Amino acid sequence: MLYGFAVLCLVLGLIGVVVPGMPTTVFILMAAWAAARSSPRLHRWLLNHRIFGPLLRNWENGRTVSRRAKWSATVTMAACAVIVWFTAHRVWLALLAIGCMATVLAWLWSRPPPPSRRPHPPRTMTAGWRAPSAAVAGLVAWTGWQRPAHGCRCA
């Protein structure tokens, strides 16, 4: 039963990629939730997916949403709001749809961004480095530090 729900949500999420106004993220999150409880294979496929994987891993690891996803959702919803505004037959219907999108965006932007995965690069001495003083040169000699032979900046 949950496996069928996961597949249905996955199909709806994929449709949402190409149909303006139809959410993708919500359906992919529900598909991952259902797959985690019914199909380890489908859940693993979703987590390793090139597009959906990072979104799901961020969500599972602290309910975070990347800035890129936030901006993508904002631009898409703004475009949909313009389309709805000019095509809705009733003003109250357009306002309701735009209000729902604004509420979702407010919630989305309230989610914290994921922690940076790239640590600051280590401070290493480059190939053209010269010791600023004899004391530093002595310390470098004493510790036995040598520049990498291949010229990279790795430690």
Protein backbone atom coordinates (compact mmCIF):
# COMPACT_ATOMS: atom_id res chain seq x y z
CA MET A 1 0.00 0.00 0.00
CA LEU A 2 2.74 2.47 0.95
CA TYR A 3 4.80 1.37 -2.05
CA GLY A 4 1.90 2.28 -4.35
CA PHE A 5 1.60 5.64 -2.59
CA ALA A 6 5.35 6.21 -3.06
CA VAL A 7 5.14 5.46 -6.77
CA LEU A 8 2.05 7.67 -7.17
CA CYS A 9 3.79 10.57 -5.40
CA LEU A 10 6.90 10.05 -7.51
CA VAL A 11 4.84 10.18 -10.73
CA LEU A 12 3.01 13.31 -9.52
CA GLY A 13 6.35 14.90 -8.60
CA LEU A 14 7.75 14.16 -12.05
CA ILE A 15 4.64 15.67 -13.65
CA GLY A 16 5.16 18.72 -11.43
CA VAL A 17 8.58 19.26 -13.01
CA VAL A 18 6.94 20.18 -16.34
CA VAL A 19 3.50 21.48 -15.31
CA PRO A 20 3.58 25.04 -13.95
CA GLY A 21 1.88 25.47 -10.61
CA MET A 22 2.02 21.79 -9.65
CA PRO A 23 4.42 21.19 -6.77
CA THR A 24 7.35 18.84 -7.17
CA THR A 25 9.14 19.02 -3.84
CA VAL A 26 6.16 18.04 -1.71
CA PHE A 27 5.44 14.96 -3.80
CA ILE A 28 9.09 13.89 -3.85
CA LEU A 29 9.31 14.28 -0.05
CA MET A 30 6.14 12.19 0.38
CA ALA A 31 7.51 9.58 -2.05
CA ALA A 32 10.73 9.36 -0.03
CA TRP A 33 8.79 9.05 3.22
CA ALA A 34 6.62 6.24 1.87
CA ALA A 35 9.56 4.50 0.15
CA ALA A 36 11.60 4.55 3.38
CA ARG A 37 8.82 2.54 5.05
CA SER A 38 7.98 0.19 2.18
CA SER A 39 10.80 -0.16 -0.36
CA PRO A 40 14.45 0.25 0.61
CA ARG A 41 15.37 -0.10 -3.08
CA LEU A 42 13.17 2.82 -4.19
CA HIS A 43 14.28 4.90 -1.21
CA ARG A 44 17.94 4.25 -2.04
CA TRP A 45 17.26 5.18 -5.71
CA LEU A 46 15.64 8.46 -4.65
CA LEU A 47 18.52 9.31 -2.29
CA ASN A 48 21.09 8.60 -5.02
CA HIS A 49 19.15 10.43 -7.75
CA ARG A 50 21.12 13.22 -9.41
CA ILE A 51 18.36 15.83 -9.00
CA PHE A 52 16.22 14.66 -6.06
CA GLY A 53 19.02 13.14 -3.96
CA PRO A 54 20.56 16.35 -2.58
CA LEU A 55 17.12 17.76 -1.74
CA LEU A 56 16.13 14.59 0.14
CA ARG A 57 19.45 14.22 1.94
CA ASN A 58 19.30 17.85 3.10
CA TRP A 59 15.75 17.31 4.33
CA GLU A 60 16.61 14.08 6.16
CA ASN A 61 19.69 15.66 7.74
CA GLY A 62 18.11 18.50 9.67
CA ARG A 63 15.10 19.66 7.62
CA THR A 64 17.27 22.08 5.63
CA VAL A 65 16.68 23.55 2.18
CA SER A 66 19.46 24.92 -0.03
CA ARG A 67 19.41 28.51 -1.19
CA ARG A 68 19.39 27.31 -4.77
CA ALA A 69 16.18 25.36 -4.16
CA LYS A 70 14.64 28.36 -2.40
CA TRP A 71 15.43 30.70 -5.29
CA SER A 72 14.26 28.15 -7.84
CA ALA A 73 10.94 27.79 -6.03
CA THR A 74 10.60 31.56 -5.68
CA VAL A 75 11.14 32.24 -9.39
CA THR A 76 8.84 29.39 -10.43
CA MET A 77 6.06 30.46 -8.07
CA ALA A 78 6.40 34.10 -9.16
CA ALA A 79 5.98 33.04 -12.79
CA CYS A 80 2.99 30.89 -11.85
CA ALA A 81 1.48 33.79 -9.88
CA VAL A 82 1.68 36.02 -12.95
CA ILE A 83 0.07 33.32 -15.10
CA VAL A 84 -2.69 32.74 -12.54
CA TRP A 85 -3.34 36.46 -12.14
CA PHE A 86 -3.89 36.96 -15.86
CA THR A 87 -5.80 33.74 -16.56
CA ALA A 88 -8.05 33.28 -13.52
CA HIS A 89 -11.74 33.84 -14.14
CA ARG A 90 -12.34 35.18 -10.64
CA VAL A 91 -10.15 37.61 -8.74
CA TRP A 92 -10.74 35.83 -5.41
CA LEU A 93 -9.54 32.55 -6.96
CA ALA A 94 -6.32 34.20 -8.18
CA LEU A 95 -5.78 35.81 -4.77
CA LEU A 96 -6.35 32.47 -3.04
CA ALA A 97 -3.80 30.70 -5.25
CA ILE A 98 -1.24 33.49 -4.91
CA GLY A 99 -1.81 33.58 -1.13
CA CYS A 100 -1.14 29.83 -0.91
CA MET A 101 2.06 30.22 -2.90
CA ALA A 102 3.16 33.13 -0.70
CA THR A 103 2.50 31.05 2.43
CA VAL A 104 4.55 28.15 1.07
CA LEU A 105 7.38 30.52 0.13
CA ALA A 106 7.37 32.10 3.60
CA TRP A 107 7.64 28.65 5.16
CA LEU A 108 10.32 27.58 2.67
CA TRP A 109 12.49 30.63 3.35
CA SER A 110 12.15 30.01 7.10
CA ARG A 111 13.98 26.67 6.71
CA PRO A 112 17.70 26.89 7.53
CA PRO A 113 20.26 26.30 4.78
CA PRO A 114 22.35 23.13 4.98
CA PRO A 115 25.76 23.45 6.60
CA SER A 116 28.61 24.13 4.25
CA ARG A 117 30.14 20.87 3.07
CA ARG A 118 33.33 22.49 1.90
CA PRO A 119 35.64 23.31 4.77
CA HIS A 120 37.93 26.24 4.39
CA PRO A 121 40.99 25.19 2.40
CA PRO A 122 43.97 24.45 4.57
CA ARG A 123 46.63 27.10 4.66
CA THR A 124 49.61 25.63 2.93
CA MET A 125 52.79 27.03 1.60
CA THR A 126 52.83 27.40 -2.18
CA ALA A 127 55.68 26.46 -4.47
CA GLY A 128 57.04 30.01 -4.56
CA TRP A 129 56.96 30.45 -0.78
CA ARG A 130 59.95 31.95 0.97
CA ALA A 131 60.45 32.00 4.71
CA PRO A 132 59.88 35.52 6.07
CA SER A 133 62.57 35.11 8.67
CA ALA A 134 65.32 32.82 9.80
CA ALA A 135 63.21 31.78 12.81
CA VAL A 136 60.40 30.52 10.59
CA ALA A 137 62.90 28.81 8.30
CA GLY A 138 64.41 27.09 11.32
CA LEU A 139 60.96 26.00 12.52
CA VAL A 140 60.14 24.59 9.10
CA ALA A 141 63.43 22.73 9.03
CA TRP A 142 62.94 21.50 12.62
CA THR A 143 59.43 20.08 11.87
CA GLY A 144 60.67 18.38 8.73
CA TRP A 145 58.03 19.99 6.53
CA GLN A 146 58.70 19.70 2.81
CA ARG A 147 56.89 21.11 -0.16
CA PRO A 148 54.96 18.49 -2.11
CA ALA A 149 57.04 17.29 -5.06
CA HIS A 150 54.09 17.41 -7.46
CA GLY A 151 53.41 21.11 -6.82
CA CYS A 152 49.85 20.86 -5.50
CA ARG A 153 48.54 22.82 -2.54
CA CYS A 154 47.42 19.76 -0.65
CA ALA A 155 48.70 19.04 2.80
